[in-house]
Amino acid sequence: MQMKEKKVDTFEMITHFKSIYIGHTSTLNWDTVQPMTALNITNLDTGAGSNGKLTMLNIDTKQIWQSDPLDTLYKDCKCIAHINK
C-alpha cells in the first residue's frame, strides 16, 4: 500500500513586524488584568468590558497606563460577565 505524501501549507509574512498588538481575547482568560506578551505579540485586552481594566500602551516607550476596574469607576456598571474556563 502506497502512502500519499501530505502537502504542507507554508505561511510566510510579507512584512516582518518588530511588534504586534492584539485585543478581543481578554487576559482575564488567564486570570490576569495585565497585558501579556509572547514572542513579539502583546495582548492589550485586559477585560474592560468584563469589569477588568482599560489599558493603554505607549508603543515607543512600552509604558502602560491602566484604569481602575470598571465597577469601581461606574457604580451602576452593567459589565459583561466573564466566564473563566
PDB file of N, CA and C in Angstrom:
ATOM      1  N   MET A   1       0.826  -1.169   0.000  1.00  0.00           N
ATOM      2  CA  MET A   1       0.000   0.000   0.000  1.00  0.00           C
ATOM      3  C   MET A   1       0.881   1.246   0.000  1.00  0.00           C
ATOM      4  N   GLN A   2       0.656   2.139  -0.949  1.00  0.00           N
ATOM      5  CA  GLN A   2       1.460   3.335  -1.077  1.00  0.00           C
ATOM      6  C   GLN A   2       0.779   4.485  -0.322  1.00  0.00           C
ATOM      7  N   MET A   3       1.563   5.167   0.523  1.00  0.00           N
ATOM      8  CA  MET A   3       1.018   6.298   1.271  1.00  0.00           C
ATOM      9  C   MET A   3       1.262   7.575   0.490  1.00  0.00           C
ATOM     10  N   LYS A   4       0.224   8.408   0.453  1.00  0.00           N
ATOM     11  CA  LYS A   4       0.377   9.693  -0.219  1.00  0.00           C
ATOM     12  C   LYS A   4       1.161  10.640   0.667  1.00  0.00           C
ATOM     13  N   GLU A   5       1.998  11.434   0.033  1.00  0.00           N
ATOM     14  CA  GLU A   5       2.756  12.410   0.778  1.00  0.00           C
ATOM     15  C   GLU A   5       1.830  13.580   1.125  1.00  0.00           C
ATOM     16  N   LYS A   6       1.859  13.964   2.362  1.00  0.00           N
ATOM     17  CA  LYS A   6       0.996  15.039   2.832  1.00  0.00           C
ATOM     18  C   LYS A   6       1.567  16.387   2.402  1.00  0.00           C
ATOM     19  N   LYS A   7       0.725  17.216   1.792  1.00  0.00           N
ATOM     20  CA  LYS A   7       1.153  18.549   1.393  1.00  0.00           C
ATOM     21  C   LYS A   7       1.099  19.457   2.614  1.00  0.00           C
ATOM     22  N   VAL A   8       2.152  20.180   2.834  1.00  0.00           N
ATOM     23  CA  VAL A   8       2.218  21.099   3.967  1.00  0.00           C
ATOM     24  C   VAL A   8       2.123  22.518   3.424  1.00  0.00           C
ATOM     25  N   ASP A   9       1.095  23.227   3.893  1.00  0.00           N
ATOM     26  CA  ASP A   9       0.974  24.633   3.503  1.00  0.00           C
ATOM     27  C   ASP A   9       1.978  25.449   4.306  1.00  0.00           C
ATOM     28  N   THR A  10       2.647  26.344   3.628  1.00  0.00           N
ATOM     29  CA  THR A  10       3.586  27.208   4.327  1.00  0.00           C
ATOM     30  C   THR A  10       3.032  28.618   4.361  1.00  0.00           C
ATOM     31  N   PHE A  11       3.347  29.314   5.413  1.00  0.00           N
ATOM     32  CA  PHE A  11       2.907  30.683   5.590  1.00  0.00           C
ATOM     33  C   PHE A  11       4.142  31.522   5.830  1.00  0.00           C
ATOM     34  N   GLU A  12       4.257  32.575   5.070  1.00  0.00           N
ATOM     35  CA  GLU A  12       5.391  33.460   5.250  1.00  0.00           C
ATOM     36  C   GLU A  12       4.887  34.891   5.312  1.00  0.00           C
ATOM     37  N   MET A  13       5.356  35.617   6.316  1.00  0.00           N
ATOM     38  CA  MET A  13       4.976  37.019   6.457  1.00  0.00           C
ATOM     39  C   MET A  13       5.605  37.822   5.319  1.00  0.00           C
ATOM     40  N   ILE A  14       4.810  38.652   4.686  1.00  0.00           N
ATOM     41  CA  ILE A  14       5.333  39.537   3.647  1.00  0.00           C
ATOM     42  C   ILE A  14       6.116  40.669   4.294  1.00  0.00           C
ATOM     43  N   THR A  15       5.546  41.200   5.382  1.00  0.00           N
ATOM     44  CA  THR A  15       6.215  42.243   6.150  1.00  0.00           C
ATOM     45  C   THR A  15       6.532  41.675   7.515  1.00  0.00           C
ATOM     46  N   HIS A  16       7.758  41.734   7.922  1.00  0.00           N
ATOM     47  CA  HIS A  16       8.144  41.241   9.236  1.00  0.00           C
ATOM     48  C   HIS A  16       7.992  42.378  10.236  1.00  0.00           C
ATOM     49  N   PHE A  17       7.158  42.161  11.233  1.00  0.00           N
ATOM     50  CA  PHE A  17       6.867  43.181  12.214  1.00  0.00           C
ATOM     51  C   PHE A  17       7.723  42.979  13.452  1.00  0.00           C
ATOM     52  N   LYS A  18       8.233  44.070  13.995  1.00  0.00           N
ATOM     53  CA  LYS A  18       9.002  44.004  15.228  1.00  0.00           C
ATOM     54  C   LYS A  18       8.077  43.687  16.400  1.00  0.00           C
ATOM     55  N   SER A  19       6.887  44.296  16.405  1.00  0.00           N
ATOM     56  CA  SER A  19       5.906  44.081  17.469  1.00  0.00           C
ATOM     57  C   SER A  19       4.516  44.011  16.867  1.00  0.00           C
ATOM     58  N   ILE A  20       3.665  43.176  17.473  1.00  0.00           N
ATOM     59  CA  ILE A  20       2.272  43.032  17.053  1.00  0.00           C
ATOM     60  C   ILE A  20       1.412  43.203  18.304  1.00  0.00           C
ATOM     61  N   TYR A  21       0.365  44.023  18.195  1.00  0.00           N
ATOM     62  CA  TYR A  21      -0.525  44.286  19.325  1.00  0.00           C
ATOM     63  C   TYR A  21      -1.922  43.789  18.973  1.00  0.00           C
ATOM     64  N   ILE A  22      -2.524  43.032  19.890  1.00  0.00           N
ATOM     65  CA  ILE A  22      -3.829  42.440  19.633  1.00  0.00           C
ATOM     66  C   ILE A  22      -4.789  42.729  20.787  1.00  0.00           C
ATOM     67  N   GLY A  23      -6.060  42.433  20.539  1.00  0.00           N
ATOM     68  CA  GLY A  23      -7.105  42.543  21.549  1.00  0.00           C
ATOM     69  C   GLY A  23      -8.202  41.556  21.219  1.00  0.00           C
ATOM     70  N   HIS A  24      -9.336  41.709  21.876  1.00  0.00           N
ATOM     71  CA  HIS A  24     -10.527  40.871  21.679  1.00  0.00           C
ATOM     72  C   HIS A  24     -10.382  39.455  22.224  1.00  0.00           C
ATOM     73  N   THR A  25      -9.301  39.180  22.912  1.00  0.00           N
ATOM     74  CA  THR A  25      -9.159  37.943  23.683  1.00  0.00           C
ATOM     75  C   THR A  25      -8.625  38.389  25.033  1.00  0.00           C
ATOM     76  N   SER A  26      -9.521  38.516  25.995  1.00  0.00           N
ATOM     77  CA  SER A  26      -9.182  39.121  27.274  1.00  0.00           C
ATOM     78  C   SER A  26      -8.153  38.314  28.050  1.00  0.00           C
ATOM     79  N   THR A  27      -7.232  39.037  28.685  1.00  0.00           N
ATOM     80  CA  THR A  27      -6.256  38.386  29.559  1.00  0.00           C
ATOM     81  C   THR A  27      -6.934  37.821  30.808  1.00  0.00           C
ATOM     82  N   LEU A  28      -8.197  38.165  31.035  1.00  0.00           N
ATOM     83  CA  LEU A  28      -8.939  37.568  32.148  1.00  0.00           C
ATOM     84  C   LEU A  28      -9.057  36.054  31.968  1.00  0.00           C
ATOM     85  N   ASN A  29      -8.935  35.577  30.733  1.00  0.00           N
ATOM     86  CA  ASN A  29      -8.931  34.128  30.485  1.00  0.00           C
ATOM     87  C   ASN A  29      -7.756  33.447  31.171  1.00  0.00           C
ATOM     88  N   TRP A  30      -6.708  34.207  31.478  1.00  0.00           N
ATOM     89  CA  TRP A  30      -5.528  33.688  32.161  1.00  0.00           C
ATOM     90  C   TRP A  30      -5.427  34.275  33.577  1.00  0.00           C
ATOM     91  N   ASP A  31      -6.569  34.738  34.093  1.00  0.00           N
ATOM     92  CA  ASP A  31      -6.663  35.274  35.460  1.00  0.00           C
ATOM     93  C   ASP A  31      -5.702  36.422  35.741  1.00  0.00           C
ATOM     94  N   THR A  32      -5.526  37.306  34.768  1.00  0.00           N
ATOM     95  CA  THR A  32      -4.698  38.485  34.984  1.00  0.00           C
ATOM     96  C   THR A  32      -5.324  39.693  34.306  1.00  0.00           C
ATOM     97  N   VAL A  33      -5.108  40.862  34.886  1.00  0.00           N
ATOM     98  CA  VAL A  33      -5.555  42.109  34.256  1.00  0.00           C
ATOM     99  C   VAL A  33      -4.357  42.873  33.702  1.00  0.00           C
ATOM    100  N   GLN A  34      -3.246  42.186  33.550  1.00  0.00           N
ATOM    101  CA  GLN A  34      -2.048  42.779  32.967  1.00  0.00           C
ATOM    102  C   GLN A  34      -1.925  42.353  31.506  1.00  0.00           C
ATOM    103  N   PRO A  35      -1.378  43.224  30.643  1.00  0.00           N
ATOM    104  CA  PRO A  35      -1.105  42.805  29.269  1.00  0.00           C
ATOM    105  C   PRO A  35      -0.158  41.603  29.278  1.00  0.00           C
ATOM    106  N   MET A  36      -0.290  40.764  28.257  1.00  0.00           N
ATOM    107  CA  MET A  36       0.535  39.560  28.168  1.00  0.00           C
ATOM    108  C   MET A  36       1.310  39.588  26.850  1.00  0.00           C
ATOM    109  N   THR A  37       2.588  39.203  26.917  1.00  0.00           N
ATOM    110  CA  THR A  37       3.430  39.174  25.720  1.00  0.00           C
ATOM    111  C   THR A  37       4.013  37.783  25.541  1.00  0.00           C
ATOM    112  N   ALA A  38       3.924  37.278  24.326  1.00  0.00           N
ATOM    113  CA  ALA A  38       4.574  36.027  23.934  1.00  0.00           C
ATOM    114  C   ALA A  38       5.254  36.293  22.591  1.00  0.00           C
ATOM    115  N   LEU A  39       6.539  35.994  22.548  1.00  0.00           N
ATOM    116  CA  LEU A  39       7.359  36.315  21.371  1.00  0.00           C
ATOM    117  C   LEU A  39       7.238  37.812  21.115  1.00  0.00           C
ATOM    118  N   ASN A  40       6.752  38.226  19.956  1.00  0.00           N
ATOM    119  CA  ASN A  40       6.618  39.664  19.674  1.00  0.00           C
ATOM    120  C   ASN A  40       5.155  40.100  19.632  1.00  0.00           C
ATOM    121  N   ILE A  41       4.263  39.311  20.227  1.00  0.00           N
ATOM    122  CA  ILE A  41       2.824  39.606  20.209  1.00  0.00           C
ATOM    123  C   ILE A  41       2.385  39.998  21.616  1.00  0.00           C
ATOM    124  N   THR A  42       1.774  41.178  21.741  1.00  0.00           N
ATOM    125  CA  THR A  42       1.287  41.658  23.031  1.00  0.00           C
ATOM    126  C   THR A  42      -0.224  41.775  22.989  1.00  0.00           C
ATOM    127  N   ASN A  43      -0.882  41.125  23.938  1.00  0.00           N
ATOM    128  CA  ASN A  43      -2.331  41.195  24.073  1.00  0.00           C
ATOM    129  C   ASN A  43      -2.643  42.305  25.066  1.00  0.00           C
ATOM    130  N   LEU A  44      -3.305  43.367  24.592  1.00  0.00           N
ATOM    131  CA  LEU A  44      -3.636  44.515  25.429  1.00  0.00           C
ATOM    132  C   LEU A  44      -5.067  44.479  25.946  1.00  0.00           C
ATOM    133  N   ASP A  45      -5.828  43.454  25.611  1.00  0.00           N
ATOM    134  CA  ASP A  45      -7.222  43.367  26.064  1.00  0.00           C
ATOM    135  C   ASP A  45      -7.231  42.854  27.496  1.00  0.00           C
ATOM    136  N   THR A  46      -7.402  43.766  28.442  1.00  0.00           N
ATOM    137  CA  THR A  46      -7.373  43.408  29.863  1.00  0.00           C
ATOM    138  C   THR A  46      -8.770  43.398  30.464  1.00  0.00           C
ATOM    139  N   GLY A  47      -9.771  43.181  29.635  1.00  0.00           N
ATOM    140  CA  GLY A  47     -11.117  42.904  30.108  1.00  0.00           C
ATOM    141  C   GLY A  47     -11.945  44.092  30.542  1.00  0.00           C
ATOM    142  N   ALA A  48     -11.747  45.259  29.952  1.00  0.00           N
ATOM    143  CA  ALA A  48     -12.517  46.442  30.363  1.00  0.00           C
ATOM    144  C   ALA A  48     -14.019  46.222  30.213  1.00  0.00           C
ATOM    145  N   GLY A  49     -14.450  45.462  29.256  1.00  0.00           N
ATOM    146  CA  GLY A  49     -15.874  45.192  29.069  1.00  0.00           C
ATOM    147  C   GLY A  49     -16.411  44.123  30.001  1.00  0.00           C
ATOM    148  N   SER A  50     -15.514  43.465  30.722  1.00  0.00           N
ATOM    149  CA  SER A  50     -15.911  42.398  31.660  1.00  0.00           C
ATOM    150  C   SER A  50     -15.464  42.735  33.077  1.00  0.00           C
ATOM    151  N   ASN A  51     -15.495  44.019  33.414  1.00  0.00           N
ATOM    152  CA  ASN A  51     -15.084  44.522  34.723  1.00  0.00           C
ATOM    153  C   ASN A  51     -13.591  44.376  34.978  1.00  0.00           C
ATOM    154  N   GLY A  52     -12.805  44.291  33.927  1.00  0.00           N
ATOM    155  CA  GLY A  52     -11.354  44.327  34.084  1.00  0.00           C
ATOM    156  C   GLY A  52     -10.906  45.771  34.055  1.00  0.00           C
ATOM    157  N   LYS A  53      -9.758  46.007  33.476  1.00  0.00           N
ATOM    158  CA  LYS A  53      -9.207  47.358  33.395  1.00  0.00           C
ATOM    159  C   LYS A  53      -9.040  47.765  31.934  1.00  0.00           C
ATOM    160  N   LEU A  54      -9.175  49.061  31.680  1.00  0.00           N
ATOM    161  CA  LEU A  54      -8.862  49.614  30.370  1.00  0.00           C
ATOM    162  C   LEU A  54      -7.363  49.880  30.357  1.00  0.00           C
ATOM    163  N   THR A  55      -6.680  49.389  29.347  1.00  0.00           N
ATOM    164  CA  THR A  55      -5.224  49.500  29.270  1.00  0.00           C
ATOM    165  C   THR A  55      -4.809  50.292  28.044  1.00  0.00           C
ATOM    166  N   MET A  56      -3.828  51.180  28.252  1.00  0.00           N
ATOM    167  CA  MET A  56      -3.219  51.946  27.155  1.00  0.00           C
ATOM    168  C   MET A  56      -1.716  51.683  27.193  1.00  0.00           C
ATOM    169  N   LEU A  57      -1.097  51.679  26.027  1.00  0.00           N
ATOM    170  CA  LEU A  57       0.335  51.407  25.935  1.00  0.00           C
ATOM    171  C   LEU A  57       0.982  52.416  25.001  1.00  0.00           C
ATOM    172  N   ASN A  58       2.069  53.022  25.446  1.00  0.00           N
ATOM    173  CA  ASN A  58       2.896  53.840  24.578  1.00  0.00           C
ATOM    174  C   ASN A  58       3.826  52.870  23.864  1.00  0.00           C
ATOM    175  N   ILE A  59       3.609  52.669  22.570  1.00  0.00           N
ATOM    176  CA  ILE A  59       4.381  51.634  21.867  1.00  0.00           C
ATOM    177  C   ILE A  59       5.852  52.007  21.682  1.00  0.00           C
ATOM    178  N   ASP A  60       6.189  53.283  21.851  1.00  0.00           N
ATOM    179  CA  ASP A  60       7.598  53.678  21.754  1.00  0.00           C
ATOM    180  C   ASP A  60       8.357  53.397  23.041  1.00  0.00           C
ATOM    181  N   THR A  61       7.744  53.715  24.188  1.00  0.00           N
ATOM    182  CA  THR A  61       8.432  53.561  25.474  1.00  0.00           C
ATOM    183  C   THR A  61       8.024  52.284  26.215  1.00  0.00           C
ATOM    184  N   LYS A  62       6.932  51.644  25.768  1.00  0.00           N
ATOM    185  CA  LYS A  62       6.348  50.452  26.405  1.00  0.00           C
ATOM    186  C   LYS A  62       5.736  50.771  27.781  1.00  0.00           C
ATOM    187  N   GLN A  63       5.532  52.070  28.080  1.00  0.00           N
ATOM    188  CA  GLN A  63       4.885  52.453  29.330  1.00  0.00           C
ATOM    189  C   GLN A  63       3.396  52.131  29.245  1.00  0.00           C
ATOM    190  N   ILE A  64       2.866  51.564  30.330  1.00  0.00           N
ATOM    191  CA  ILE A  64       1.466  51.140  30.386  1.00  0.00           C
ATOM    192  C   ILE A  64       0.714  52.022  31.370  1.00  0.00           C
ATOM    193  N   TRP A  65      -0.512  52.388  31.005  1.00  0.00           N
ATOM    194  CA  TRP A  65      -1.443  53.052  31.904  1.00  0.00           C
ATOM    195  C   TRP A  65      -2.685  52.185  31.975  1.00  0.00           C
ATOM    196  N   GLN A  66      -3.244  52.060  33.184  1.00  0.00           N
ATOM    197  CA  GLN A  66      -4.463  51.267  33.357  1.00  0.00           C
ATOM    198  C   GLN A  66      -5.462  52.012  34.236  1.00  0.00           C
ATOM    199  N   SER A  67      -6.727  51.809  33.908  1.00  0.00           N
ATOM    200  CA  SER A  67      -7.795  52.341  34.741  1.00  0.00           C
ATOM    201  C   SER A  67      -7.985  51.432  35.951  1.00  0.00           C
ATOM    202  N   ASP A  68      -8.802  51.889  36.869  1.00  0.00           N
ATOM    203  CA  ASP A  68      -9.276  51.001  37.930  1.00  0.00           C
ATOM    204  C   ASP A  68     -10.314  50.078  37.302  1.00  0.00           C
ATOM    205  N   PRO A  69     -10.679  48.976  37.977  1.00  0.00           N
ATOM    206  CA  PRO A  69     -11.752  48.121  37.445  1.00  0.00           C
ATOM    207  C   PRO A  69     -13.024  48.953  37.236  1.00  0.00           C
ATOM    208  N   LEU A  70     -13.752  48.652  36.179  1.00  0.00           N
ATOM    209  CA  LEU A  70     -14.885  49.486  35.795  1.00  0.00           C
ATOM    210  C   LEU A  70     -15.937  49.642  36.874  1.00  0.00           C
ATOM    211  N   ASP A  71     -16.195  48.591  37.662  1.00  0.00           N
ATOM    212  CA  ASP A  71     -17.251  48.727  38.668  1.00  0.00           C
ATOM    213  C   ASP A  71     -16.873  49.676  39.800  1.00  0.00           C
ATOM    214  N   THR A  72     -15.579  50.006  39.931  1.00  0.00           N
ATOM    215  CA  THR A  72     -15.175  50.998  40.929  1.00  0.00           C
ATOM    216  C   THR A  72     -15.300  52.414  40.376  1.00  0.00           C
ATOM    217  N   LEU A  73     -15.339  52.531  39.065  1.00  0.00           N
ATOM    218  CA  LEU A  73     -15.482  53.841  38.426  1.00  0.00           C
ATOM    219  C   LEU A  73     -16.937  54.182  38.141  1.00  0.00           C
ATOM    220  N   TYR A  74     -17.735  53.176  37.817  1.00  0.00           N
ATOM    221  CA  TYR A  74     -19.142  53.351  37.458  1.00  0.00           C
ATOM    222  C   TYR A  74     -19.974  52.437  38.349  1.00  0.00           C
ATOM    223  N   LYS A  75     -20.593  53.023  39.355  1.00  0.00           N
ATOM    224  CA  LYS A  75     -21.315  52.223  40.360  1.00  0.00           C
ATOM    225  C   LYS A  75     -22.461  51.417  39.765  1.00  0.00           C
ATOM    226  N   ASP A  76     -23.096  51.898  38.703  1.00  0.00           N
ATOM    227  CA  ASP A  76     -24.205  51.173  38.080  1.00  0.00           C
ATOM    228  C   ASP A  76     -23.734  50.390  36.853  1.00  0.00           C
ATOM    229  N   CYS A  77     -22.471  49.996  36.852  1.00  0.00           N
ATOM    230  CA  CYS A  77     -21.878  49.298  35.713  1.00  0.00           C
ATOM    231  C   CYS A  77     -22.596  47.975  35.437  1.00  0.00           C
ATOM    232  N   LYS A  78     -22.987  47.793  34.210  1.00  0.00           N
ATOM    233  CA  LYS A  78     -23.596  46.526  33.765  1.00  0.00           C
ATOM    234  C   LYS A  78     -22.569  45.832  32.865  1.00  0.00           C
ATOM    235  N   CYS A  79     -21.482  45.404  33.468  1.00  0.00           N
ATOM    236  CA  CYS A  79     -20.395  44.783  32.717  1.00  0.00           C
ATOM    237  C   CYS A  79     -20.802  43.399  32.232  1.00  0.00           C
ATOM    238  N   ILE A  80     -20.189  42.991  31.174  1.00  0.00           N
ATOM    239  CA  ILE A  80     -20.398  41.653  30.634  1.00  0.00           C
ATOM    240  C   ILE A  80     -19.768  40.656  31.598  1.00  0.00           C
ATOM    241  N   ALA A  81     -20.517  39.641  31.966  1.00  0.00           N
ATOM    242  CA  ALA A  81     -19.974  38.616  32.865  1.00  0.00           C
ATOM    243  C   ALA A  81     -18.860  37.868  32.158  1.00  0.00           C
ATOM    244  N   HIS A  82     -17.752  37.700  32.830  1.00  0.00           N
ATOM    245  CA  HIS A  82     -16.628  36.974  32.255  1.00  0.00           C
ATOM    246  C   HIS A  82     -16.625  35.561  32.819  1.00  0.00           C
ATOM    247  N   ILE A  83     -16.487  34.603  31.960  1.00  0.00           N
ATOM    248  CA  ILE A  83     -16.505  33.199  32.371  1.00  0.00           C
ATOM    249  C   ILE A  83     -15.114  32.620  32.176  1.00  0.00           C
ATOM    250  N   ASN A  84     -14.479  32.208  33.260  1.00  0.00           N
ATOM    251  CA  ASN A  84     -13.189  31.512  33.163  1.00  0.00           C
ATOM    252  C   ASN A  84     -13.453  30.043  32.938  1.00  0.00           C
ATOM    253  N   LYS A  85     -12.677  29.437  32.096  1.00  0.00           N
ATOM    254  CA  LYS A  85     -12.831  28.007  31.824  1.00  0.00           C
ATOM    255  C   LYS A  85     -12.160  27.191  32.888  1.00  0.00           C
TER     256      LYS A  85
END
